[in-house]
Amino acid sequence: VTLSFGEGRVSGRGGCNHYSGPVEIGPGTLRIGALISTKMACAKPGLMQQESAYLNALQSAEKYRFGPNGALIIATGDGYIIYGAVPRQERPEGS
């Protein structure tokens, strides 16, 4: 599962599918609007349900903070989503 921010939008991969949607970021606050995603079927049993739960949780984001080692912690209506910090990947030339 990944999450990227850029120019008023979020995007990433939810397990099987890519997703994106609008985002508003304020001092410690985070609001993610309706997400759209590709509609590929997941090969592993239960992965579609897990992805759906993740996207629903992400759309209920309320607040954020940074934790140890640069982790992003997003508070949602039902709990927390915690992302480990990963350096931005650059595409190789010619890709």
C-alpha atoms as a PDB file:
ATOM      1  CA  VAL A   1       0.000   0.000   0.000  1.00  0.00           C
ATOM      2  CA  THR A   2       1.355   3.403  -0.966  1.00  0.00           C
ATOM      3  CA  LEU A   3       0.349   7.047  -0.620  1.00  0.00           C
ATOM      4  CA  SER A   4       1.807  10.041  -2.477  1.00  0.00           C
ATOM      5  CA  PHE A   5       0.905  13.729  -2.319  1.00  0.00           C
ATOM      6  CA  GLY A   6       1.149  16.211  -5.176  1.00  0.00           C
ATOM      7  CA  GLU A   7      -0.566  19.456  -6.213  1.00  0.00           C
ATOM      8  CA  GLY A   8      -3.820  19.068  -4.284  1.00  0.00           C
ATOM      9  CA  ARG A   9      -4.129  15.344  -4.959  1.00  0.00           C
ATOM     10  CA  VAL A  10      -3.262  12.026  -3.382  1.00  0.00           C
ATOM     11  CA  SER A  11      -2.473   8.868  -5.294  1.00  0.00           C
ATOM     12  CA  GLY A  12      -1.090   5.439  -4.651  1.00  0.00           C
ATOM     13  CA  ARG A  13      -1.675   1.741  -4.773  1.00  0.00           C
ATOM     14  CA  GLY A  14      -4.227   0.094  -2.515  1.00  0.00           C
ATOM     15  CA  GLY A  15      -3.007  -3.487  -2.846  1.00  0.00           C
ATOM     16  CA  CYS A  16      -4.339  -4.389  -6.293  1.00  0.00           C
ATOM     17  CA  ASN A  17      -5.448  -1.115  -7.823  1.00  0.00           C
ATOM     18  CA  HIS A  18      -4.124   2.385  -8.296  1.00  0.00           C
ATOM     19  CA  TYR A  19      -6.184   5.196  -6.761  1.00  0.00           C
ATOM     20  CA  SER A  20      -6.255   8.991  -6.718  1.00  0.00           C
ATOM     21  CA  GLY A  21      -8.364  11.847  -5.423  1.00  0.00           C
ATOM     22  CA  PRO A  22      -8.395  15.398  -4.087  1.00  0.00           C
ATOM     23  CA  VAL A  23      -6.780  16.370  -0.791  1.00  0.00           C
ATOM     24  CA  GLU A  24      -6.870  19.441   1.452  1.00  0.00           C
ATOM     25  CA  ILE A  25      -4.022  19.812   3.930  1.00  0.00           C
ATOM     26  CA  GLY A  26      -3.990  22.281   6.805  1.00  0.00           C
ATOM     27  CA  PRO A  27      -1.946  22.607   9.992  1.00  0.00           C
ATOM     28  CA  GLY A  28      -2.317  19.074  11.342  1.00  0.00           C
ATOM     29  CA  THR A  29      -5.525  18.450   9.384  1.00  0.00           C
ATOM     30  CA  LEU A  30      -6.127  16.296   6.356  1.00  0.00           C
ATOM     31  CA  ARG A  31      -9.271  15.880   4.252  1.00  0.00           C
ATOM     32  CA  ILE A  32      -9.297  13.419   1.373  1.00  0.00           C
ATOM     33  CA  GLY A  33     -12.197  13.616  -1.057  1.00  0.00           C
ATOM     34  CA  ALA A  34     -13.814  10.892  -3.127  1.00  0.00           C
ATOM     35  CA  LEU A  35     -11.208   8.482  -4.445  1.00  0.00           C
ATOM     36  CA  ILE A  36     -11.287   6.842  -7.843  1.00  0.00           C
ATOM     37  CA  SER A  37      -9.444   3.618  -8.577  1.00  0.00           C
ATOM     38  CA  THR A  38      -8.759   1.151 -11.312  1.00  0.00           C
ATOM     39  CA  LYS A  39     -10.989  -1.927 -11.272  1.00  0.00           C
ATOM     40  CA  MET A  40      -8.585  -4.839 -11.525  1.00  0.00           C
ATOM     41  CA  ALA A  41      -9.540  -8.013  -9.695  1.00  0.00           C
ATOM     42  CA  CYS A  42      -7.168  -9.165  -6.961  1.00  0.00           C
ATOM     43  CA  ALA A  43      -5.784 -12.684  -7.292  1.00  0.00           C
ATOM     44  CA  LYS A  44      -5.453 -13.365  -3.553  1.00  0.00           C
ATOM     45  CA  PRO A  45      -8.620 -14.085  -1.551  1.00  0.00           C
ATOM     46  CA  GLY A  46      -9.634 -11.262   0.784  1.00  0.00           C
ATOM     47  CA  LEU A  47      -7.389  -8.647  -0.823  1.00  0.00           C
ATOM     48  CA  MET A  48     -10.297  -6.768  -2.463  1.00  0.00           C
ATOM     49  CA  GLN A  49     -12.015  -6.432   0.924  1.00  0.00           C
ATOM     50  CA  GLN A  50      -8.763  -5.247   2.507  1.00  0.00           C
ATOM     51  CA  GLU A  51      -8.246  -2.687  -0.254  1.00  0.00           C
ATOM     52  CA  SER A  52     -11.831  -1.437   0.056  1.00  0.00           C
ATOM     53  CA  ALA A  53     -11.439  -1.027   3.835  1.00  0.00           C
ATOM     54  CA  TYR A  54      -8.180   0.889   3.304  1.00  0.00           C
ATOM     55  CA  LEU A  55      -9.702   3.295   0.766  1.00  0.00           C
ATOM     56  CA  ASN A  56     -12.735   3.894   3.004  1.00  0.00           C
ATOM     57  CA  ALA A  57     -10.455   4.604   5.970  1.00  0.00           C
ATOM     58  CA  LEU A  58      -8.328   6.970   3.887  1.00  0.00           C
ATOM     59  CA  GLN A  59     -11.425   8.946   2.871  1.00  0.00           C
ATOM     60  CA  SER A  60     -12.270   9.399   6.560  1.00  0.00           C
ATOM     61  CA  ALA A  61      -8.880  11.026   7.310  1.00  0.00           C
ATOM     62  CA  GLU A  62      -9.117  13.872   9.814  1.00  0.00           C
ATOM     63  CA  LYS A  63      -5.670  14.661  11.184  1.00  0.00           C
ATOM     64  CA  TYR A  64      -2.034  13.792  10.597  1.00  0.00           C
ATOM     65  CA  ARG A  65       1.275  13.930  12.402  1.00  0.00           C
ATOM     66  CA  PHE A  66       4.773  12.602  11.939  1.00  0.00           C
ATOM     67  CA  GLY A  67       6.088   9.884  14.195  1.00  0.00           C
ATOM     68  CA  PRO A  68       9.433   8.220  14.796  1.00  0.00           C
ATOM     69  CA  ASN A  69      11.720   7.761  11.791  1.00  0.00           C
ATOM     70  CA  GLY A  70       9.569  10.025   9.608  1.00  0.00           C
ATOM     71  CA  ALA A  71       6.452   7.824   9.734  1.00  0.00           C
ATOM     72  CA  LEU A  72       3.244   9.539   8.619  1.00  0.00           C
ATOM     73  CA  ILE A  73       0.376   8.840  11.014  1.00  0.00           C
ATOM     74  CA  ILE A  74      -3.120   9.617   9.750  1.00  0.00           C
ATOM     75  CA  ALA A  75      -6.006   9.667  12.210  1.00  0.00           C
ATOM     76  CA  THR A  76      -9.238   8.430  10.640  1.00  0.00           C
ATOM     77  CA  GLY A  77     -12.782   8.115  11.947  1.00  0.00           C
ATOM     78  CA  ASP A  78     -12.016   4.606  13.254  1.00  0.00           C
ATOM     79  CA  GLY A  79      -8.308   4.534  14.065  1.00  0.00           C
ATOM     80  CA  TYR A  80      -4.961   5.223  12.451  1.00  0.00           C
ATOM     81  CA  ILE A  81      -3.127   4.497   9.213  1.00  0.00           C
ATOM     82  CA  ILE A  82       0.651   4.482   9.631  1.00  0.00           C
ATOM     83  CA  TYR A  83       3.024   4.786   6.665  1.00  0.00           C
ATOM     84  CA  GLY A  84       6.759   4.209   6.895  1.00  0.00           C
ATOM     85  CA  ALA A  85       8.921   6.849   5.212  1.00  0.00           C
ATOM     86  CA  VAL A  86      10.337   5.767   1.857  1.00  0.00           C
ATOM     87  CA  PRO A  87      12.543   7.975  -0.340  1.00  0.00           C
ATOM     88  CA  ARG A  88      10.889   9.173  -3.533  1.00  0.00           C
ATOM     89  CA  GLN A  89      11.616   6.854  -6.442  1.00  0.00           C
ATOM     90  CA  GLU A  90      12.750   8.473  -9.687  1.00  0.00           C
ATOM     91  CA  ARG A  91      11.963   6.871 -13.037  1.00  0.00           C
ATOM     92  CA  PRO A  92      14.968   5.839 -15.071  1.00  0.00           C
ATOM     93  CA  GLU A  93      15.647   7.906 -18.187  1.00  0.00           C
ATOM     94  CA  GLY A  94      13.688   6.704 -21.200  1.00  0.00           C
ATOM     95  CA  SER A  95      10.804   5.263 -19.121  1.00  0.00           C
END
